Amino acid sequence: MSALRILVADDHEVARKGIRALLEDHAGWEVCAEAKDGREAVEFAAKLKPDVFLLDVGMPNLNGLDAARQILAIMPEARILILTIHDSEQVVRETLAAGARGFLLKSDAGRDLVAAVEALQERRTFFTPKVAQMMLDGYLRPHESDAPEKCVLTPREREVIQLVAEGKTTKEVATALSLSVKTAETHRTNLMRKLDLHSIADLTLYAVRNGIVQVY
């Protein structure tokens, strides 16, 4: 039987190395790549076709949830485990919406990481009891009928808003996304209009509140 090939994506090198050590202690598993941000994880997905992806949520350039969406567009059968320090209901919901098969708090990784990857290897899902209960409570809670409809952003718009919120200039956004400066500026202008925002500060606050970027 061939080894289970795993990609680990986290912007903290110490975290990547620690996760790698835990995984490679397991017979039949190999870490085929490490990525320092979501964009690099997507590039490795296209080149290496790993079996399982471990993605940190709060990565620069492209966060883990948007990276998961892009990876699944390339590899619909990819098995993705989201790692995070945040256990809010919103992050859990975003994880499910992104198509990930598992959700693990970093604080639980030492205890549950191997079990989580084993579940994904067997094409099962993995959620810790606390998160599973949160999901159940959230879905059973009645939805407010008069709640405003959330504005849906395209994958490209989410990329642009993250880069802008991280302080990238229009030229840097254009370079990161292989766009012309004019096209990048148009994306930013259209985003501001679509979201009814009036400054970069407003855009940054929107990105934080909606989990596109994270503040530690």
N, C-alpha and C. Protein backbone atom coordinates (compact mmCIF):
# COMPACT_ATOMS: atom_id res chain seq x y z
N MET A 1 0.85 -1.19 0.00
CA MET A 1 0.00 0.00 0.00
C MET A 1 0.88 1.24 0.00
N SER A 2 0.56 2.22 -0.85
CA SER A 2 1.37 3.44 -0.93
C SER A 2 1.14 4.31 0.29
N ALA A 3 2.13 5.13 0.60
CA ALA A 3 2.05 6.00 1.77
C ALA A 3 0.98 7.06 1.58
N LEU A 4 0.37 7.47 2.70
CA LEU A 4 -0.56 8.59 2.68
C LEU A 4 0.27 9.87 2.61
N ARG A 5 0.04 10.66 1.57
CA ARG A 5 0.83 11.87 1.34
C ARG A 5 0.09 13.08 1.87
N ILE A 6 0.75 13.82 2.74
CA ILE A 6 0.11 14.90 3.49
C ILE A 6 0.83 16.22 3.23
N LEU A 7 0.06 17.29 3.06
CA LEU A 7 0.62 18.63 2.98
C LEU A 7 0.25 19.39 4.25
N VAL A 8 1.23 20.08 4.81
CA VAL A 8 1.02 20.89 6.02
C VAL A 8 1.23 22.35 5.66
N ALA A 9 0.22 23.19 5.93
CA ALA A 9 0.33 24.61 5.63
C ALA A 9 0.10 25.43 6.89
N ASP A 10 1.12 26.19 7.27
CA ASP A 10 1.04 27.06 8.45
C ASP A 10 2.12 28.12 8.28
N ASP A 11 1.80 29.35 8.62
CA ASP A 11 2.80 30.40 8.43
C ASP A 11 3.85 30.44 9.54
N HIS A 12 3.70 29.63 10.58
CA HIS A 12 4.68 29.55 11.64
C HIS A 12 5.53 28.29 11.46
N GLU A 13 6.81 28.47 11.22
CA GLU A 13 7.69 27.34 10.94
C GLU A 13 7.72 26.34 12.09
N VAL A 14 7.74 26.82 13.33
CA VAL A 14 7.78 25.92 14.48
C VAL A 14 6.54 25.03 14.51
N ALA A 15 5.38 25.62 14.20
CA ALA A 15 4.14 24.83 14.17
C ALA A 15 4.21 23.78 13.07
N ARG A 16 4.69 24.17 11.88
CA ARG A 16 4.80 23.19 10.78
C ARG A 16 5.70 22.02 11.17
N LYS A 17 6.85 22.33 11.76
CA LYS A 17 7.80 21.28 12.11
C LYS A 17 7.23 20.37 13.19
N GLY A 18 6.52 20.95 14.14
CA GLY A 18 5.92 20.13 15.19
C GLY A 18 4.85 19.19 14.65
N ILE A 19 4.01 19.73 13.75
CA ILE A 19 2.97 18.90 13.14
C ILE A 19 3.60 17.81 12.28
N ARG A 20 4.63 18.19 11.55
CA ARG A 20 5.31 17.21 10.69
C ARG A 20 5.87 16.06 11.52
N ALA A 21 6.49 16.39 12.65
CA ALA A 21 7.08 15.35 13.50
C ALA A 21 6.01 14.39 14.01
N LEU A 22 4.86 14.93 14.41
CA LEU A 22 3.77 14.07 14.88
C LEU A 22 3.27 13.14 13.77
N LEU A 23 3.15 13.67 12.58
CA LEU A 23 2.63 12.89 11.46
C LEU A 23 3.61 11.81 11.01
N GLU A 24 4.88 12.16 10.93
CA GLU A 24 5.86 11.21 10.39
C GLU A 24 6.26 10.13 11.38
N ASP A 25 5.79 10.26 12.63
CA ASP A 25 5.95 9.16 13.59
C ASP A 25 4.98 8.02 13.29
N HIS A 26 3.98 8.30 12.46
CA HIS A 26 2.96 7.31 12.14
C HIS A 26 3.40 6.52 10.90
N ALA A 27 3.43 5.21 11.03
CA ALA A 27 3.83 4.36 9.92
C ALA A 27 2.90 4.54 8.73
N GLY A 28 3.50 4.66 7.55
CA GLY A 28 2.70 4.75 6.33
C GLY A 28 2.26 6.15 5.96
N TRP A 29 2.72 7.15 6.72
CA TRP A 29 2.39 8.53 6.40
C TRP A 29 3.66 9.28 6.03
N GLU A 30 3.56 10.20 5.08
CA GLU A 30 4.68 11.07 4.76
C GLU A 30 4.19 12.48 4.47
N VAL A 31 4.93 13.46 4.93
CA VAL A 31 4.63 14.85 4.63
C VAL A 31 5.35 15.18 3.33
N CYS A 32 4.58 15.37 2.27
CA CYS A 32 5.19 15.57 0.96
C CYS A 32 5.52 17.03 0.68
N ALA A 33 4.96 17.95 1.50
CA ALA A 33 5.25 19.37 1.30
C ALA A 33 4.84 20.17 2.52
N GLU A 34 5.53 21.28 2.73
CA GLU A 34 5.16 22.28 3.73
C GLU A 34 4.92 23.60 3.00
N ALA A 35 3.84 24.28 3.36
CA ALA A 35 3.53 25.58 2.75
C ALA A 35 3.45 26.63 3.84
N LYS A 36 3.94 27.83 3.52
CA LYS A 36 3.95 28.89 4.52
C LYS A 36 2.74 29.81 4.41
N ASP A 37 1.95 29.64 3.37
CA ASP A 37 0.70 30.39 3.25
C ASP A 37 -0.26 29.64 2.34
N GLY A 38 -1.51 30.13 2.27
CA GLY A 38 -2.51 29.44 1.48
C GLY A 38 -2.22 29.39 0.01
N ARG A 39 -1.61 30.44 -0.51
CA ARG A 39 -1.32 30.47 -1.95
C ARG A 39 -0.31 29.37 -2.31
N GLU A 40 0.70 29.21 -1.46
CA GLU A 40 1.69 28.16 -1.71
C GLU A 40 1.05 26.78 -1.60
N ALA A 41 0.11 26.63 -0.67
CA ALA A 41 -0.59 25.35 -0.52
C ALA A 41 -1.36 24.99 -1.79
N VAL A 42 -2.00 25.99 -2.40
CA VAL A 42 -2.74 25.75 -3.65
C VAL A 42 -1.78 25.35 -4.77
N GLU A 43 -0.64 26.01 -4.83
CA GLU A 43 0.35 25.69 -5.86
C GLU A 43 0.85 24.25 -5.69
N PHE A 44 1.13 23.85 -4.44
CA PHE A 44 1.58 22.48 -4.19
C PHE A 44 0.48 21.47 -4.52
N ALA A 45 -0.78 21.85 -4.28
CA ALA A 45 -1.89 20.96 -4.60
C ALA A 45 -1.89 20.62 -6.08
N ALA A 46 -1.71 21.64 -6.90
CA ALA A 46 -1.72 21.42 -8.35
C ALA A 46 -0.53 20.59 -8.80
N LYS A 47 0.62 20.78 -8.17
CA LYS A 47 1.84 20.08 -8.60
C LYS A 47 1.96 18.67 -8.03
N LEU A 48 1.63 18.51 -6.74
CA LEU A 48 1.94 17.27 -6.03
C LEU A 48 0.75 16.36 -5.79
N LYS A 49 -0.44 16.90 -5.82
CA LYS A 49 -1.67 16.12 -5.59
C LYS A 49 -1.60 15.30 -4.27
N PRO A 50 -1.40 15.96 -3.13
CA PRO A 50 -1.39 15.23 -1.86
C PRO A 50 -2.75 14.58 -1.58
N ASP A 51 -2.76 13.61 -0.67
CA ASP A 51 -4.02 12.95 -0.30
C ASP A 51 -4.78 13.76 0.74
N VAL A 52 -4.04 14.31 1.70
CA VAL A 52 -4.64 15.03 2.83
C VAL A 52 -3.95 16.37 3.00
N PHE A 53 -4.74 17.40 3.31
CA PHE A 53 -4.21 18.74 3.54
C PHE A 53 -4.52 19.17 4.96
N LEU A 54 -3.53 19.68 5.66
CA LEU A 54 -3.72 20.28 6.97
C LEU A 54 -3.48 21.78 6.80
N LEU A 55 -4.52 22.57 6.94
CA LEU A 55 -4.45 24.00 6.65
C LEU A 55 -4.77 24.83 7.88
N ASP A 56 -3.82 25.70 8.25
CA ASP A 56 -4.09 26.69 9.29
C ASP A 56 -5.04 27.74 8.72
N VAL A 57 -5.94 28.25 9.55
CA VAL A 57 -6.89 29.26 9.06
C VAL A 57 -6.19 30.59 8.82
N GLY A 58 -5.45 31.08 9.79
CA GLY A 58 -4.95 32.44 9.76
C GLY A 58 -3.63 32.64 9.06
N MET A 59 -3.54 32.29 7.79
CA MET A 59 -2.30 32.46 7.03
C MET A 59 -2.35 33.73 6.20
N PRO A 60 -1.20 34.36 5.94
CA PRO A 60 -1.17 35.56 5.10
C PRO A 60 -1.35 35.22 3.62
N ASN A 61 -1.60 36.26 2.82
CA ASN A 61 -1.73 36.16 1.36
C ASN A 61 -2.99 35.43 0.92
N LEU A 62 -3.24 34.26 1.49
CA LEU A 62 -4.49 33.53 1.23
C LEU A 62 -4.76 32.69 2.46
N ASN A 63 -5.89 32.92 3.12
CA ASN A 63 -6.17 32.19 4.36
C ASN A 63 -6.53 30.73 4.09
N GLY A 64 -6.56 29.93 5.14
CA GLY A 64 -6.77 28.50 4.99
C GLY A 64 -8.12 28.12 4.41
N LEU A 65 -9.16 28.87 4.74
CA LEU A 65 -10.48 28.54 4.24
C LEU A 65 -10.61 28.82 2.75
N ASP A 66 -10.06 29.94 2.31
CA ASP A 66 -10.10 30.22 0.87
C ASP A 66 -9.15 29.31 0.11
N ALA A 67 -8.04 28.94 0.74
CA ALA A 67 -7.15 27.95 0.12
C ALA A 67 -7.88 26.62 -0.05
N ALA A 68 -8.67 26.23 0.96
CA ALA A 68 -9.43 24.99 0.87
C ALA A 68 -10.38 25.02 -0.32
N ARG A 69 -11.05 26.14 -0.52
CA ARG A 69 -11.98 26.26 -1.65
C ARG A 69 -11.25 26.09 -2.98
N GLN A 70 -10.09 26.72 -3.08
CA GLN A 70 -9.34 26.64 -4.34
C GLN A 70 -8.77 25.24 -4.56
N ILE A 71 -8.32 24.60 -3.49
CA ILE A 71 -7.79 23.24 -3.61
C ILE A 71 -8.89 22.28 -4.06
N LEU A 72 -10.08 22.44 -3.48
CA LEU A 72 -11.19 21.55 -3.86
C LEU A 72 -11.66 21.80 -5.29
N ALA A 73 -11.45 23.00 -5.79
CA ALA A 73 -11.77 23.26 -7.19
C ALA A 73 -10.81 22.52 -8.11
N ILE A 74 -9.56 22.34 -7.65
CA ILE A 74 -8.56 21.60 -8.42
C ILE A 74 -8.71 20.10 -8.19
N MET A 75 -8.95 19.71 -6.94
CA MET A 75 -9.03 18.31 -6.53
C MET A 75 -10.31 18.09 -5.72
N PRO A 76 -11.42 17.83 -6.35
CA PRO A 76 -12.69 17.68 -5.62
C PRO A 76 -12.68 16.60 -4.54
N GLU A 77 -11.81 15.61 -4.67
CA GLU A 77 -11.77 14.53 -3.68
C GLU A 77 -10.75 14.79 -2.57
N ALA A 78 -10.14 15.95 -2.56
CA ALA A 78 -9.14 16.26 -1.54
C ALA A 78 -9.77 16.20 -0.15
N ARG A 79 -8.99 15.69 0.79
CA ARG A 79 -9.45 15.62 2.19
C ARG A 79 -8.71 16.70 2.98
N ILE A 80 -9.47 17.62 3.54
CA ILE A 80 -8.88 18.80 4.16
C ILE A 80 -9.26 18.88 5.63
N LEU A 81 -8.23 19.07 6.46
CA LEU A 81 -8.41 19.28 7.90
C LEU A 81 -8.00 20.72 8.20
N ILE A 82 -8.91 21.47 8.80
CA ILE A 82 -8.63 22.85 9.17
C ILE A 82 -8.09 22.89 10.60
N LEU A 83 -6.98 23.59 10.78
CA LEU A 83 -6.38 23.79 12.09
C LEU A 83 -6.51 25.26 12.47
N THR A 84 -6.89 25.55 13.71
CA THR A 84 -7.09 26.93 14.12
C THR A 84 -6.97 27.08 15.62
N ILE A 85 -6.72 28.32 16.05
CA ILE A 85 -6.73 28.61 17.49
C ILE A 85 -8.11 29.12 17.90
N HIS A 86 -8.99 29.34 16.94
CA HIS A 86 -10.31 29.91 17.20
C HIS A 86 -11.39 28.83 17.11
N ASP A 87 -12.32 28.82 18.08
CA ASP A 87 -13.39 27.83 18.04
C ASP A 87 -14.76 28.51 17.98
N SER A 88 -14.83 29.66 17.35
CA SER A 88 -16.11 30.36 17.23
C SER A 88 -17.02 29.61 16.26
N GLU A 89 -18.32 29.79 16.46
CA GLU A 89 -19.29 29.14 15.58
C GLU A 89 -19.11 29.60 14.14
N GLN A 90 -18.76 30.88 13.96
CA GLN A 90 -18.59 31.39 12.60
C GLN A 90 -17.48 30.66 11.87
N VAL A 91 -16.35 30.43 12.55
CA VAL A 91 -15.24 29.73 11.90
C VAL A 91 -15.63 28.30 11.56
N VAL A 92 -16.38 27.65 12.46
CA VAL A 92 -16.84 26.28 12.20
C VAL A 92 -17.75 26.27 10.98
N ARG A 93 -18.68 27.21 10.90
CA ARG A 93 -19.59 27.28 9.76
C ARG A 93 -18.82 27.53 8.46
N GLU A 94 -17.84 28.43 8.52
CA GLU A 94 -17.03 28.72 7.33
C GLU A 94 -16.25 27.48 6.91
N THR A 95 -15.79 26.71 7.87
CA THR A 95 -15.07 25.47 7.57
C THR A 95 -15.95 24.51 6.79
N LEU A 96 -17.18 24.34 7.26
CA LEU A 96 -18.12 23.45 6.57
C LEU A 96 -18.44 23.99 5.18
N ALA A 97 -18.67 25.30 5.09
CA ALA A 97 -19.01 25.90 3.80
C ALA A 97 -17.87 25.77 2.80
N ALA A 98 -16.62 25.78 3.30
CA ALA A 98 -15.46 25.66 2.42
C ALA A 98 -15.30 24.25 1.88
N GLY A 99 -15.92 23.26 2.52
CA GLY A 99 -15.84 21.88 2.05
C GLY A 99 -14.82 21.03 2.77
N ALA A 100 -14.26 21.54 3.89
CA ALA A 100 -13.29 20.75 4.66
C ALA A 100 -13.99 19.59 5.34
N ARG A 101 -13.23 18.51 5.58
CA ARG A 101 -13.79 17.31 6.20
C ARG A 101 -13.55 17.25 7.70
N GLY A 102 -12.72 18.16 8.21
CA GLY A 102 -12.42 18.12 9.63
C GLY A 102 -12.00 19.47 10.17
N PHE A 103 -12.10 19.61 11.48
CA PHE A 103 -11.80 20.86 12.16
C PHE A 103 -11.13 20.50 13.48
N LEU A 104 -9.94 21.05 13.71
CA LEU A 104 -9.19 20.70 14.92
C LEU A 104 -8.56 21.95 15.51
N LEU A 105 -8.79 22.17 16.80
CA LEU A 105 -8.14 23.27 17.49
C LEU A 105 -6.65 22.93 17.67
N LYS A 106 -5.80 23.92 17.48
CA LYS A 106 -4.37 23.68 17.64
C LYS A 106 -4.04 23.23 19.05
N SER A 107 -4.81 23.70 20.02
CA SER A 107 -4.57 23.31 21.41
C SER A 107 -4.83 21.82 21.64
N ASP A 108 -5.59 21.19 20.73
CA ASP A 108 -5.90 19.76 20.85
C ASP A 108 -5.04 18.90 19.93
N ALA A 109 -4.15 19.53 19.16
CA ALA A 109 -3.41 18.78 18.14
C ALA A 109 -2.54 17.68 18.73
N GLY A 110 -1.89 17.94 19.84
CA GLY A 110 -1.04 16.91 20.44
C GLY A 110 -1.80 15.65 20.77
N ARG A 111 -3.07 15.82 21.17
CA ARG A 111 -3.90 14.69 21.56
C ARG A 111 -4.67 14.08 20.40
N ASP A 112 -5.17 14.93 19.48
CA ASP A 112 -6.15 14.46 18.50
C ASP A 112 -5.69 14.47 17.05
N LEU A 113 -4.49 14.98 16.77
CA LEU A 113 -4.08 15.12 15.36
C LEU A 113 -4.05 13.78 14.63
N VAL A 114 -3.44 12.78 15.24
CA VAL A 114 -3.34 11.47 14.58
C VAL A 114 -4.73 10.89 14.32
N ALA A 115 -5.62 10.99 15.31
CA ALA A 115 -6.98 10.48 15.13
C ALA A 115 -7.71 11.22 14.03
N ALA A 116 -7.46 12.53 13.92
CA ALA A 116 -8.12 13.33 12.89
C ALA A 116 -7.66 12.91 11.50
N VAL A 117 -6.36 12.72 11.33
CA VAL A 117 -5.84 12.32 10.02
C VAL A 117 -6.26 10.89 9.69
N GLU A 118 -6.31 10.03 10.69
CA GLU A 118 -6.80 8.67 10.45
C GLU A 118 -8.25 8.70 9.95
N ALA A 119 -9.06 9.58 10.52
CA ALA A 119 -10.46 9.69 10.08
C ALA A 119 -10.52 10.13 8.61
N LEU A 120 -9.72 11.12 8.25
CA LEU A 120 -9.71 11.57 6.86
C LEU A 120 -9.15 10.50 5.93
N GLN A 121 -8.17 9.76 6.41
CA GLN A 121 -7.60 8.67 5.59
C GLN A 121 -8.67 7.64 5.25
N GLU A 122 -9.59 7.43 6.20
CA GLU A 122 -10.68 6.47 5.99
C GLU A 122 -11.93 7.14 5.39
N ARG A 123 -11.74 8.37 4.92
CA ARG A 123 -12.80 9.15 4.27
C ARG A 123 -13.98 9.40 5.20
N ARG A 124 -13.64 9.60 6.49
CA ARG A 124 -14.63 10.03 7.47
C ARG A 124 -14.35 11.49 7.82
N THR A 125 -15.27 12.12 8.52
CA THR A 125 -15.05 13.48 9.00
C THR A 125 -14.52 13.44 10.42
N PHE A 126 -13.95 14.55 10.86
CA PHE A 126 -13.45 14.62 12.24
C PHE A 126 -13.75 16.00 12.83
N PHE A 127 -14.53 15.99 13.91
CA PHE A 127 -14.78 17.20 14.68
C PHE A 127 -14.71 16.82 16.16
N THR A 128 -14.00 17.59 16.95
CA THR A 128 -13.92 17.30 18.38
C THR A 128 -15.31 17.43 18.99
N PRO A 129 -15.57 16.78 20.13
CA PRO A 129 -16.90 16.83 20.75
C PRO A 129 -17.41 18.25 20.97
N LYS A 130 -16.52 19.16 21.42
CA LYS A 130 -16.93 20.55 21.66
C LYS A 130 -17.42 21.20 20.38
N VAL A 131 -16.70 20.98 19.29
CA VAL A 131 -17.07 21.58 18.01
C VAL A 131 -18.33 20.92 17.46
N ALA A 132 -18.43 19.61 17.60
CA ALA A 132 -19.63 18.91 17.12
C ALA A 132 -20.87 19.43 17.85
N GLN A 133 -20.77 19.66 19.16
CA GLN A 133 -21.90 20.19 19.92
C GLN A 133 -22.23 21.61 19.48
N MET A 134 -21.20 22.39 19.20
CA MET A 134 -21.40 23.75 18.72
C MET A 134 -22.15 23.74 17.39
N MET A 135 -21.77 22.82 16.51
CA MET A 135 -22.44 22.69 15.22
C MET A 135 -23.91 22.34 15.42
N LEU A 136 -24.17 21.37 16.31
CA LEU A 136 -25.53 20.93 16.56
C LEU A 136 -26.36 22.08 17.12
N ASP A 137 -25.81 22.78 18.11
CA ASP A 137 -26.53 23.90 18.71
C ASP A 137 -26.82 24.98 17.67
N GLY A 138 -25.82 25.25 16.83
CA GLY A 138 -25.98 26.30 15.82
C GLY A 138 -27.05 25.98 14.81
N TYR A 139 -27.09 24.72 14.35
CA TYR A 139 -28.05 24.36 13.32
C TYR A 139 -29.46 24.17 13.88
N LEU A 140 -29.55 23.88 15.19
CA LEU A 140 -30.87 23.73 15.80
C LEU A 140 -31.46 25.08 16.20
N ARG A 141 -30.60 26.09 16.38
CA ARG A 141 -31.08 27.40 16.80
C ARG A 141 -31.89 28.03 15.66
N PRO A 142 -33.08 28.53 15.95
CA PRO A 142 -33.90 29.14 14.90
C PRO A 142 -33.18 30.32 14.27
N HIS A 143 -33.28 30.43 12.97
CA HIS A 143 -32.66 31.55 12.28
C HIS A 143 -33.61 32.75 12.33
N GLU A 144 -33.03 33.93 12.47
CA GLU A 144 -33.84 35.15 12.47
C GLU A 144 -34.38 35.39 11.05
N SER A 145 -35.69 35.45 10.93
CA SER A 145 -36.28 35.61 9.60
C SER A 145 -35.94 36.95 8.98
N ASP A 146 -35.66 37.95 9.87
CA ASP A 146 -35.37 39.27 9.32
C ASP A 146 -33.88 39.57 9.28
N ALA A 147 -33.05 38.52 9.40
CA ALA A 147 -31.61 38.74 9.36
C ALA A 147 -31.19 39.20 7.96
N PRO A 148 -30.29 40.18 7.85
CA PRO A 148 -29.89 40.64 6.53
C PRO A 148 -29.12 39.56 5.78
N GLU A 149 -29.34 39.50 4.50
CA GLU A 149 -28.66 38.50 3.67
C GLU A 149 -27.18 38.86 3.55
N LYS A 150 -26.32 37.88 3.78
CA LYS A 150 -24.88 38.12 3.72
C LYS A 150 -24.43 38.29 2.27
N CYS A 151 -23.61 39.29 2.06
CA CYS A 151 -23.10 39.55 0.71
C CYS A 151 -22.13 38.44 0.33
N VAL A 152 -22.36 37.82 -0.82
CA VAL A 152 -21.51 36.71 -1.27
C VAL A 152 -20.39 37.26 -2.13
N LEU A 153 -19.17 36.93 -1.74
CA LEU A 153 -18.00 37.36 -2.50
C LEU A 153 -17.49 36.22 -3.36
N THR A 154 -16.97 36.56 -4.53
CA THR A 154 -16.35 35.56 -5.38
C THR A 154 -14.98 35.19 -4.82
N PRO A 155 -14.41 34.05 -5.22
CA PRO A 155 -13.06 33.70 -4.75
C PRO A 155 -12.04 34.80 -5.04
N ARG A 156 -12.11 35.42 -6.21
CA ARG A 156 -11.17 36.50 -6.54
C ARG A 156 -11.36 37.69 -5.62
N GLU A 157 -12.61 38.03 -5.33
CA GLU A 157 -12.88 39.15 -4.43
C GLU A 157 -12.35 38.88 -3.03
N ARG A 158 -12.47 37.65 -2.57
CA ARG A 158 -11.94 37.30 -1.24
C ARG A 158 -10.42 37.40 -1.22
N GLU A 159 -9.77 37.02 -2.32
CA GLU A 159 -8.32 37.16 -2.42
C GLU A 159 -7.92 38.64 -2.34
N VAL A 160 -8.62 39.46 -3.09
CA VAL A 160 -8.29 40.89 -3.12
C VAL A 160 -8.50 41.52 -1.75
N ILE A 161 -9.63 41.22 -1.12
CA ILE A 161 -9.92 41.85 0.16
C ILE A 161 -8.91 41.43 1.23
N GLN A 162 -8.46 40.17 1.18
CA GLN A 162 -7.45 39.75 2.15
C GLN A 162 -6.15 40.51 1.96
N LEU A 163 -5.69 40.60 0.73
CA LEU A 163 -4.42 41.27 0.45
C LEU A 163 -4.48 42.75 0.82
N VAL A 164 -5.60 43.41 0.50
CA VAL A 164 -5.74 44.82 0.84
C VAL A 164 -5.78 44.99 2.36
N ALA A 165 -6.52 44.12 3.04
CA ALA A 165 -6.62 44.20 4.50
C ALA A 165 -5.29 43.94 5.18
N GLU A 166 -4.42 43.18 4.52
CA GLU A 166 -3.09 42.92 5.06
C GLU A 166 -2.10 44.05 4.77
N GLY A 167 -2.61 45.12 4.13
CA GLY A 167 -1.78 46.29 3.91
C GLY A 167 -1.04 46.32 2.58
N LYS A 168 -1.38 45.41 1.66
CA LYS A 168 -0.72 45.39 0.36
C LYS A 168 -1.17 46.60 -0.48
N THR A 169 -0.25 47.17 -1.22
CA THR A 169 -0.59 48.25 -2.15
C THR A 169 -1.28 47.63 -3.38
N THR A 170 -1.87 48.51 -4.20
CA THR A 170 -2.52 48.02 -5.42
C THR A 170 -1.52 47.29 -6.31
N LYS A 171 -0.31 47.83 -6.41
CA LYS A 171 0.72 47.18 -7.22
C LYS A 171 1.08 45.81 -6.66
N GLU A 172 1.18 45.70 -5.34
CA GLU A 172 1.50 44.41 -4.70
C GLU A 172 0.36 43.41 -4.89
N VAL A 173 -0.87 43.88 -4.82
CA VAL A 173 -2.03 43.01 -5.08
C VAL A 173 -1.97 42.50 -6.52
N ALA A 174 -1.69 43.40 -7.43
CA ALA A 174 -1.62 43.03 -8.85
C ALA A 174 -0.54 41.97 -9.07
N THR A 175 0.61 42.17 -8.46
CA THR A 175 1.71 41.21 -8.62
C THR A 175 1.34 39.85 -8.04
N ALA A 176 0.76 39.85 -6.83
CA ALA A 176 0.41 38.59 -6.16
C ALA A 176 -0.61 37.78 -6.95
N LEU A 177 -1.51 38.48 -7.64
CA LEU A 177 -2.60 37.79 -8.35
C LEU A 177 -2.39 37.74 -9.86
N SER A 178 -1.22 38.17 -10.31
CA SER A 178 -0.89 38.18 -11.75
C SER A 178 -1.92 38.98 -12.55
N LEU A 179 -2.22 40.17 -12.04
CA LEU A 179 -3.15 41.07 -12.70
C LEU A 179 -2.42 42.35 -13.10
N SER A 180 -3.05 43.13 -13.96
CA SER A 180 -2.54 44.47 -14.21
C SER A 180 -2.92 45.35 -13.02
N VAL A 181 -2.17 46.43 -12.84
CA VAL A 181 -2.47 47.35 -11.74
C VAL A 181 -3.88 47.92 -11.90
N LYS A 182 -4.26 48.21 -13.14
CA LYS A 182 -5.59 48.76 -13.40
C LYS A 182 -6.69 47.78 -13.00
N THR A 183 -6.48 46.49 -13.33
CA THR A 183 -7.48 45.48 -12.98
C THR A 183 -7.59 45.31 -11.47
N ALA A 184 -6.44 45.33 -10.79
CA ALA A 184 -6.45 45.22 -9.33
C ALA A 184 -7.18 46.40 -8.70
N GLU A 185 -6.95 47.59 -9.23
CA GLU A 185 -7.64 48.78 -8.72
C GLU A 185 -9.14 48.68 -8.97
N THR A 186 -9.52 48.14 -10.13
CA THR A 186 -10.94 47.97 -10.44
C THR A 186 -11.60 47.00 -9.47
N HIS A 187 -10.91 45.90 -9.18
CA HIS A 187 -11.44 44.93 -8.21
C HIS A 187 -11.67 45.60 -6.86
N ARG A 188 -10.71 46.39 -6.41
CA ARG A 188 -10.83 47.04 -5.11
C ARG A 188 -11.99 48.03 -5.10
N THR A 189 -12.11 48.81 -6.16
CA THR A 189 -13.19 49.79 -6.25
C THR A 189 -14.55 49.10 -6.26
N ASN A 190 -14.66 48.02 -7.04
CA ASN A 190 -15.93 47.28 -7.12
C ASN A 190 -16.29 46.64 -5.78
N LEU A 191 -15.27 46.17 -5.06
CA LEU A 191 -15.51 45.59 -3.74
C LEU A 191 -16.08 46.63 -2.78
N MET A 192 -15.48 47.81 -2.77
CA MET A 192 -15.93 48.87 -1.88
C MET A 192 -17.39 49.22 -2.18
N ARG A 193 -17.72 49.28 -3.47
CA ARG A 193 -19.08 49.61 -3.86
C ARG A 193 -20.04 48.48 -3.47
N LYS A 194 -19.64 47.25 -3.74
CA LYS A 194 -20.49 46.08 -3.47
C LYS A 194 -20.81 45.95 -1.98
N LEU A 195 -19.81 46.23 -1.15
CA LEU A 195 -19.97 46.07 0.29
C LEU A 195 -20.40 47.36 0.98
N ASP A 196 -20.57 48.43 0.20
CA ASP A 196 -20.94 49.74 0.74
C ASP A 196 -19.94 50.19 1.81
N LEU A 197 -18.66 50.09 1.47
CA LEU A 197 -17.59 50.51 2.36
C LEU A 197 -16.93 51.75 1.76
N HIS A 198 -16.34 52.58 2.63
CA HIS A 198 -15.89 53.88 2.16
C HIS A 198 -14.42 54.17 2.43
N SER A 199 -13.70 53.22 2.99
CA SER A 199 -12.27 53.43 3.25
C SER A 199 -11.59 52.08 3.38
N ILE A 200 -10.25 52.11 3.30
CA ILE A 200 -9.49 50.87 3.49
C ILE A 200 -9.67 50.36 4.92
N ALA A 201 -9.83 51.29 5.88
CA ALA A 201 -10.07 50.87 7.26
C ALA A 201 -11.38 50.08 7.37
N ASP A 202 -12.42 50.56 6.67
CA ASP A 202 -13.70 49.83 6.66
C ASP A 202 -13.53 48.45 6.03
N LEU A 203 -12.76 48.39 4.96
CA LEU A 203 -12.53 47.13 4.27
C LEU A 203 -11.78 46.15 5.17
N THR A 204 -10.80 46.67 5.89
CA THR A 204 -10.02 45.84 6.81
C THR A 204 -10.91 45.30 7.93
N LEU A 205 -11.75 46.17 8.48
CA LEU A 205 -12.66 45.74 9.55
C LEU A 205 -13.61 44.67 9.04
N TYR A 206 -14.12 44.84 7.82
CA TYR A 206 -15.00 43.83 7.23
C TYR A 206 -14.27 42.49 7.12
N ALA A 207 -13.01 42.53 6.67
CA ALA A 207 -12.23 41.30 6.50
C ALA A 207 -12.04 40.58 7.83
N VAL A 208 -11.79 41.35 8.89
CA VAL A 208 -11.59 40.75 10.21
C VAL A 208 -12.89 40.15 10.73
N ARG A 209 -13.97 40.91 10.63
CA ARG A 209 -15.27 40.46 11.15
C ARG A 209 -15.79 39.23 10.43
N ASN A 210 -15.39 39.07 9.16
CA ASN A 210 -15.89 37.93 8.38
C ASN A 210 -14.88 36.81 8.21
N GLY A 211 -13.82 36.83 9.02
CA GLY A 211 -12.89 35.72 9.06
C GLY A 211 -11.98 35.60 7.85
N ILE A 212 -11.88 36.67 7.04
CA ILE A 212 -11.00 36.61 5.87
C ILE A 212 -9.55 36.82 6.30
N VAL A 213 -9.35 37.68 7.26
CA VAL A 213 -8.05 37.79 7.93
C VAL A 213 -8.31 37.64 9.42
N GLN A 214 -7.27 37.26 10.16
CA GLN A 214 -7.41 37.06 11.59
C GLN A 214 -6.42 37.90 12.36
N VAL A 215 -6.87 38.39 13.49
CA VAL A 215 -6.03 39.19 14.36
C VAL A 215 -5.69 38.36 15.58
N TYR A 216 -4.39 38.25 15.88
CA TYR A 216 -3.96 37.45 17.02
C TYR A 216 -3.75 38.33 18.24
